[in-house]
C-alpha atoms as a PDB file:
ATOM      1  CA  MET A   1     -10.736 -20.701  23.655  1.00  0.00           C
ATOM      2  CA  PHE A   2      -7.968 -20.576  21.435  1.00  0.00           C
ATOM      3  CA  CYS A   3      -7.003 -23.647  19.831  1.00  0.00           C
ATOM      4  CA  ALA A   4      -3.611 -23.280  19.217  1.00  0.00           C
ATOM      5  CA  LEU A   5      -1.298 -26.205  19.928  1.00  0.00           C
ATOM      6  CA  SER A   6       2.566 -25.255  20.527  1.00  0.00           C
ATOM      7  CA  THR A   7       4.721 -27.951  18.707  1.00  0.00           C
ATOM      8  CA  GLY A   8       8.256 -26.444  18.618  1.00  0.00           C
ATOM      9  CA  ALA A   9       9.398 -22.447  19.478  1.00  0.00           C
ATOM     10  CA  HIS A  10       7.669 -21.462  16.230  1.00  0.00           C
ATOM     11  CA  ALA A  11       4.852 -24.134  15.092  1.00  0.00           C
ATOM     12  CA  GLN A  12       1.240 -24.142  16.271  1.00  0.00           C
ATOM     13  CA  LEU A  13      -2.240 -25.697  14.865  1.00  0.00           C
ATOM     14  CA  ARG A  14      -4.686 -23.240  14.193  1.00  0.00           C
ATOM     15  CA  ALA A  15      -8.487 -22.939  13.542  1.00  0.00           C
ATOM     16  CA  GLN A  16     -11.128 -20.752  11.389  1.00  0.00           C
ATOM     17  CA  VAL A  17     -14.400 -21.167  10.482  1.00  0.00           C
ATOM     18  CA  GLY A  18     -16.294 -18.444   9.012  1.00  0.00           C
ATOM     19  CA  LEU A  19     -18.824 -17.430   6.381  1.00  0.00           C
ATOM     20  CA  GLU A  20     -17.868 -16.911   2.019  1.00  0.00           C
ATOM     21  CA  GLY A  21     -19.569 -14.590  -0.183  1.00  0.00           C
ATOM     22  CA  GLY A  22     -18.413 -15.298  -3.737  1.00  0.00           C
ATOM     23  CA  LEU A  23     -18.971 -13.396  -7.094  1.00  0.00           C
ATOM     24  CA  GLY A  24     -19.016 -16.016 -10.091  1.00  0.00           C
ATOM     25  CA  SER A  25     -17.128 -15.602 -13.442  1.00  0.00           C
ATOM     26  CA  GLY A  26     -16.357 -17.292 -16.704  1.00  0.00           C
ATOM     27  CA  ASP A  27     -19.179 -18.640 -18.630  1.00  0.00           C
ATOM     28  CA  GLU A  28     -22.604 -17.741 -17.816  1.00  0.00           C
ATOM     29  CA  SER A  29     -21.153 -16.491 -14.628  1.00  0.00           C
ATOM     30  CA  PHE A  30     -23.274 -19.528 -12.607  1.00  0.00           C
ATOM     31  CA  ASP A  31     -26.290 -17.940 -14.167  1.00  0.00           C
ATOM     32  CA  SER A  32     -26.462 -15.755 -10.729  1.00  0.00           C
ATOM     33  CA  PRO A  33     -23.392 -13.829  -9.897  1.00  0.00           C
ATOM     34  CA  THR A  34     -23.629 -14.224  -6.241  1.00  0.00           C
ATOM     35  CA  GLY A  35     -23.061 -16.680  -3.984  1.00  0.00           C
ATOM     36  CA  LEU A  36     -22.941 -17.858  -0.270  1.00  0.00           C
ATOM     37  CA  GLY A  37     -21.239 -20.448   1.754  1.00  0.00           C
ATOM     38  CA  ILE A  38     -19.499 -21.798   4.820  1.00  0.00           C
ATOM     39  CA  THR A  39     -15.757 -22.350   4.823  1.00  0.00           C
ATOM     40  CA  ALA A  40     -13.289 -23.835   7.939  1.00  0.00           C
ATOM     41  CA  LEU A  41      -9.630 -24.115   7.367  1.00  0.00           C
ATOM     42  CA  GLY A  42      -7.067 -25.922   9.769  1.00  0.00           C
ATOM     43  CA  GLU A  43      -3.388 -24.439   9.086  1.00  0.00           C
ATOM     44  CA  PHE A  44       0.196 -26.418  10.941  1.00  0.00           C
ATOM     45  CA  VAL A  45       2.449 -22.948  10.889  1.00  0.00           C
ATOM     46  CA  PHE A  46       6.040 -24.146  11.113  1.00  0.00           C
ATOM     47  CA  SER A  47       8.005 -20.779  10.661  1.00  0.00           C
ATOM     48  CA  GLU A  48       7.554 -17.262  11.573  1.00  0.00           C
ATOM     49  CA  ARG A  49       6.048 -16.968   8.187  1.00  0.00           C
ATOM     50  CA  ILE A  50       4.716 -20.156   6.357  1.00  0.00           C
ATOM     51  CA  GLY A  51       1.756 -22.289   6.921  1.00  0.00           C
ATOM     52  CA  ILE A  52       0.614 -25.210   5.784  1.00  0.00           C
ATOM     53  CA  THR A  53      -3.205 -25.114   5.311  1.00  0.00           C
ATOM     54  CA  PHE A  54      -6.204 -27.479   4.392  1.00  0.00           C
ATOM     55  CA  GLN A  55      -9.700 -25.587   3.260  1.00  0.00           C
ATOM     56  CA  THR A  56     -13.259 -26.916   2.578  1.00  0.00           C
ATOM     57  CA  GLY A  57     -16.405 -25.182   2.674  1.00  0.00           C
ATOM     58  CA  TYR A  58     -19.676 -25.134   1.317  1.00  0.00           C
ATOM     59  CA  THR A  59     -21.249 -22.575  -1.460  1.00  0.00           C
ATOM     60  CA  VAL A  60     -24.319 -22.446  -3.326  1.00  0.00           C
ATOM     61  CA  PHE A  61     -25.071 -20.159  -6.370  1.00  0.00           C
ATOM     62  CA  ARG A  62     -28.794 -19.814  -7.064  1.00  0.00           C
ATOM     63  CA  SER A  63     -29.759 -19.176 -10.890  1.00  0.00           C
ATOM     64  CA  GLY A  64     -30.711 -15.808 -11.244  1.00  0.00           C
ATOM     65  CA  LYS A  65     -32.871 -16.976 -14.490  1.00  0.00           C
ATOM     66  CA  GLY A  66     -36.019 -18.252 -12.898  1.00  0.00           C
ATOM     67  CA  GLU A  67     -34.974 -22.126 -14.296  1.00  0.00           C
ATOM     68  CA  GLY A  68     -34.388 -23.367 -10.296  1.00  0.00           C
ATOM     69  CA  ASN A  69     -30.810 -24.415 -10.850  1.00  0.00           C
ATOM     70  CA  ILE A  70     -28.568 -24.227  -7.702  1.00  0.00           C
ATOM     71  CA  ARG A  71     -24.936 -24.698  -8.240  1.00  0.00           C
ATOM     72  CA  THR A  72     -23.373 -26.213  -5.165  1.00  0.00           C
ATOM     73  CA  MET A  73     -19.225 -26.170  -4.817  1.00  0.00           C
ATOM     74  CA  LEU A  74     -17.805 -28.203  -2.343  1.00  0.00           C
ATOM     75  CA  PRO A  75     -13.777 -27.062  -1.920  1.00  0.00           C
ATOM     76  CA  PHE A  76     -10.839 -29.686  -0.612  1.00  0.00           C
ATOM     77  CA  LEU A  77      -7.695 -27.806  -1.204  1.00  0.00           C
ATOM     78  CA  GLY A  78      -4.288 -27.876   0.333  1.00  0.00           C
ATOM     79  CA  GLY A  79      -2.235 -24.584   0.052  1.00  0.00           C
ATOM     80  CA  LEU A  80       0.202 -22.668   1.975  1.00  0.00           C
ATOM     81  CA  LYS A  81       0.395 -18.794   3.276  1.00  0.00           C
ATOM     82  CA  TRP A  82       2.898 -17.079   3.463  1.00  0.00           C
ATOM     83  CA  TYR A  83       3.130 -13.830   6.825  1.00  0.00           C
ATOM     84  CA  PHE A  84       4.300 -10.838   5.446  1.00  0.00           C
ATOM     85  CA  SER A  85       5.100  -9.847   9.306  1.00  0.00           C
ATOM     86  CA  GLU A  86       6.768 -11.783  11.753  1.00  0.00           C
ATOM     87  CA  LYS A  87       4.374 -11.118  14.503  1.00  0.00           C
ATOM     88  CA  LYS A  88       2.707 -14.574  15.765  1.00  0.00           C
ATOM     89  CA  SER A  89      -0.646 -12.394  16.578  1.00  0.00           C
ATOM     90  CA  GLU A  90      -1.550 -10.524  13.182  1.00  0.00           C
ATOM     91  CA  GLY A  91      -0.151  -9.525   9.939  1.00  0.00           C
ATOM     92  CA  ILE A  92      -0.777  -9.526   6.250  1.00  0.00           C
ATOM     93  CA  TYR A  93      -0.655 -12.574   4.650  1.00  0.00           C
ATOM     94  CA  ALA A  94      -1.190 -14.305   1.130  1.00  0.00           C
ATOM     95  CA  HIS A  95      -2.764 -17.529   0.268  1.00  0.00           C
ATOM     96  CA  ALA A  96      -2.082 -20.018  -2.436  1.00  0.00           C
ATOM     97  CA  LYS A  97      -4.448 -23.395  -2.564  1.00  0.00           C
ATOM     98  CA  PHE A  98      -4.952 -26.051  -4.874  1.00  0.00           C
ATOM     99  CA  GLY A  99      -6.543 -29.235  -4.947  1.00  0.00           C
ATOM    100  CA  GLY A 100     -10.447 -30.382  -5.941  1.00  0.00           C
ATOM    101  CA  GLN A 101     -13.557 -28.996  -6.273  1.00  0.00           C
ATOM    102  CA  SER A 102     -16.570 -31.457  -6.358  1.00  0.00           C
ATOM    103  CA  TYR A 103     -19.548 -29.344  -8.440  1.00  0.00           C
ATOM    104  CA  LYS A 104     -22.946 -30.144  -8.661  1.00  0.00           C
ATOM    105  CA  ILE A 105     -26.493 -28.587 -10.182  1.00  0.00           C
ATOM    106  CA  SER A 106     -28.986 -29.583  -8.658  1.00  0.00           C
ATOM    107  CA  LYS A 107     -31.604 -29.591 -11.476  1.00  0.00           C
ATOM    108  CA  GLN A 108     -29.396 -32.164 -13.372  1.00  0.00           C
ATOM    109  CA  ASP A 109     -30.053 -34.830 -10.534  1.00  0.00           C
ATOM    110  CA  LEU A 110     -29.961 -38.099 -12.479  1.00  0.00           C
ATOM    111  CA  ILE A 111     -25.846 -36.696 -13.205  1.00  0.00           C
ATOM    112  CA  PRO A 112     -23.551 -37.215 -10.046  1.00  0.00           C
ATOM    113  CA  ALA A 113     -22.065 -34.583  -9.204  1.00  0.00           C
ATOM    114  CA  LYS A 114     -18.123 -34.204 -10.628  1.00  0.00           C
ATOM    115  CA  THR A 115     -14.867 -33.835  -9.106  1.00  0.00           C
ATOM    116  CA  LEU A 116     -12.921 -31.186 -10.975  1.00  0.00           C
ATOM    117  CA  LEU A 117      -9.032 -29.574 -10.456  1.00  0.00           C
ATOM    118  CA  ALA A 118      -9.124 -26.210  -8.708  1.00  0.00           C
ATOM    119  CA  ALA A 119      -6.767 -23.696  -7.686  1.00  0.00           C
ATOM    120  CA  GLY A 120      -6.634 -20.146  -6.025  1.00  0.00           C
ATOM    121  CA  ALA A 121      -5.037 -17.076  -4.604  1.00  0.00           C
ATOM    122  CA  ALA A 122      -6.142 -14.868  -1.692  1.00  0.00           C
ATOM    123  CA  ILE A 123      -5.110 -12.419   0.463  1.00  0.00           C
ATOM    124  CA  GLY A 124      -5.977 -11.523   4.505  1.00  0.00           C
ATOM    125  CA  TRP A 125      -5.481  -9.896   7.334  1.00  0.00           C
ATOM    126  CA  TYR A 126      -5.013 -12.433   9.990  1.00  0.00           C
ATOM    127  CA  LYS A 127      -5.795 -11.653  13.820  1.00  0.00           C
ATOM    128  CA  ALA A 128      -5.262 -14.019  16.775  1.00  0.00           C
ATOM    129  CA  LYS A 129      -9.106 -14.584  18.512  1.00  0.00           C
ATOM    130  CA  ASP A 130     -10.779 -12.250  16.647  1.00  0.00           C
ATOM    131  CA  ILE A 131     -12.893 -11.964  13.002  1.00  0.00           C
ATOM    132  CA  SER A 132     -10.485 -11.657   9.878  1.00  0.00           C
ATOM    133  CA  PRO A 133     -11.299 -10.844   6.344  1.00  0.00           C
ATOM    134  CA  GLU A 134      -9.872 -12.224   3.281  1.00  0.00           C
ATOM    135  CA  ILE A 135     -10.695 -11.673  -0.398  1.00  0.00           C
ATOM    136  CA  GLY A 136      -9.179 -14.063  -3.456  1.00  0.00           C
ATOM    137  CA  TYR A 137     -10.644 -16.220  -5.896  1.00  0.00           C
ATOM    138  CA  VAL A 138     -10.633 -19.975  -7.061  1.00  0.00           C
ATOM    139  CA  PHE A 139     -11.550 -21.503 -10.352  1.00  0.00           C
ATOM    140  CA  PHE A 140     -11.508 -24.462 -11.734  1.00  0.00           C
ATOM    141  CA  ILE A 141     -11.564 -26.405 -15.035  1.00  0.00           C
ATOM    142  CA  THR A 142     -15.072 -27.634 -16.670  1.00  0.00           C
ATOM    143  CA  GLU A 143     -15.879 -29.055 -20.052  1.00  0.00           C
ATOM    144  CA  GLY A 144     -15.199 -25.713 -21.865  1.00  0.00           C
ATOM    145  CA  ASP A 145     -14.168 -22.364 -20.130  1.00  0.00           C
ATOM    146  CA  PRO A 146     -12.897 -22.149 -17.102  1.00  0.00           C
ATOM    147  CA  LYS A 147     -15.282 -21.135 -14.326  1.00  0.00           C
ATOM    148  CA  GLY A 148     -14.055 -19.781 -11.333  1.00  0.00           C
ATOM    149  CA  PHE A 149     -15.478 -17.037  -8.008  1.00  0.00           C
ATOM    150  CA  PHE A 150     -14.308 -13.824  -6.363  1.00  0.00           C
ATOM    151  CA  SER A 151     -14.718 -14.321  -2.531  1.00  0.00           C
ATOM    152  CA  VAL A 152     -15.310 -12.235   0.552  1.00  0.00           C
ATOM    153  CA  LYS A 153     -14.680 -14.411   3.646  1.00  0.00           C
ATOM    154  CA  ALA A 154     -14.702 -13.146   7.266  1.00  0.00           C
ATOM    155  CA  VAL A 155     -13.499 -15.737   9.597  1.00  0.00           C
ATOM    156  CA  TYR A 156     -12.612 -16.181  13.571  1.00  0.00           C
ATOM    157  CA  ASN A 157      -9.662 -17.455  14.270  1.00  0.00           C
ATOM    158  CA  PHE A 158      -9.674 -20.087  17.133  1.00  0.00           C
END
């Protein structure tokens, strides 16, 4: 199934869904260095090399210290992709993202989730109708030190 819609000579809409692994950084490294999540991305490619994106997902970092903390993150990021190749079906890209991140620590049930400023950058390989890898870093500002995580994704391109 291919979900690309042509709106001009070069423009098209793309959709991706996949899995994301994270490696926390910042103060206390989220109590646990590793996280796992899902991700979804929509992209409007309007030229040979540039696409506008919207990304969301859900990532969970579980406490490694036995305290029962679970940190959940729900990003909502807009961005730009720059494709290094003019081929429409595959190639390397750079991806810059900016937006917000809902951040919640489950042990603090009485405290609502916080919405924080977030930004990130990534590099990946796009291949139409196939699984594509992406590695990157997303950071966000909390009270005190900034936090973030290194991200490794495997997404399916529709």
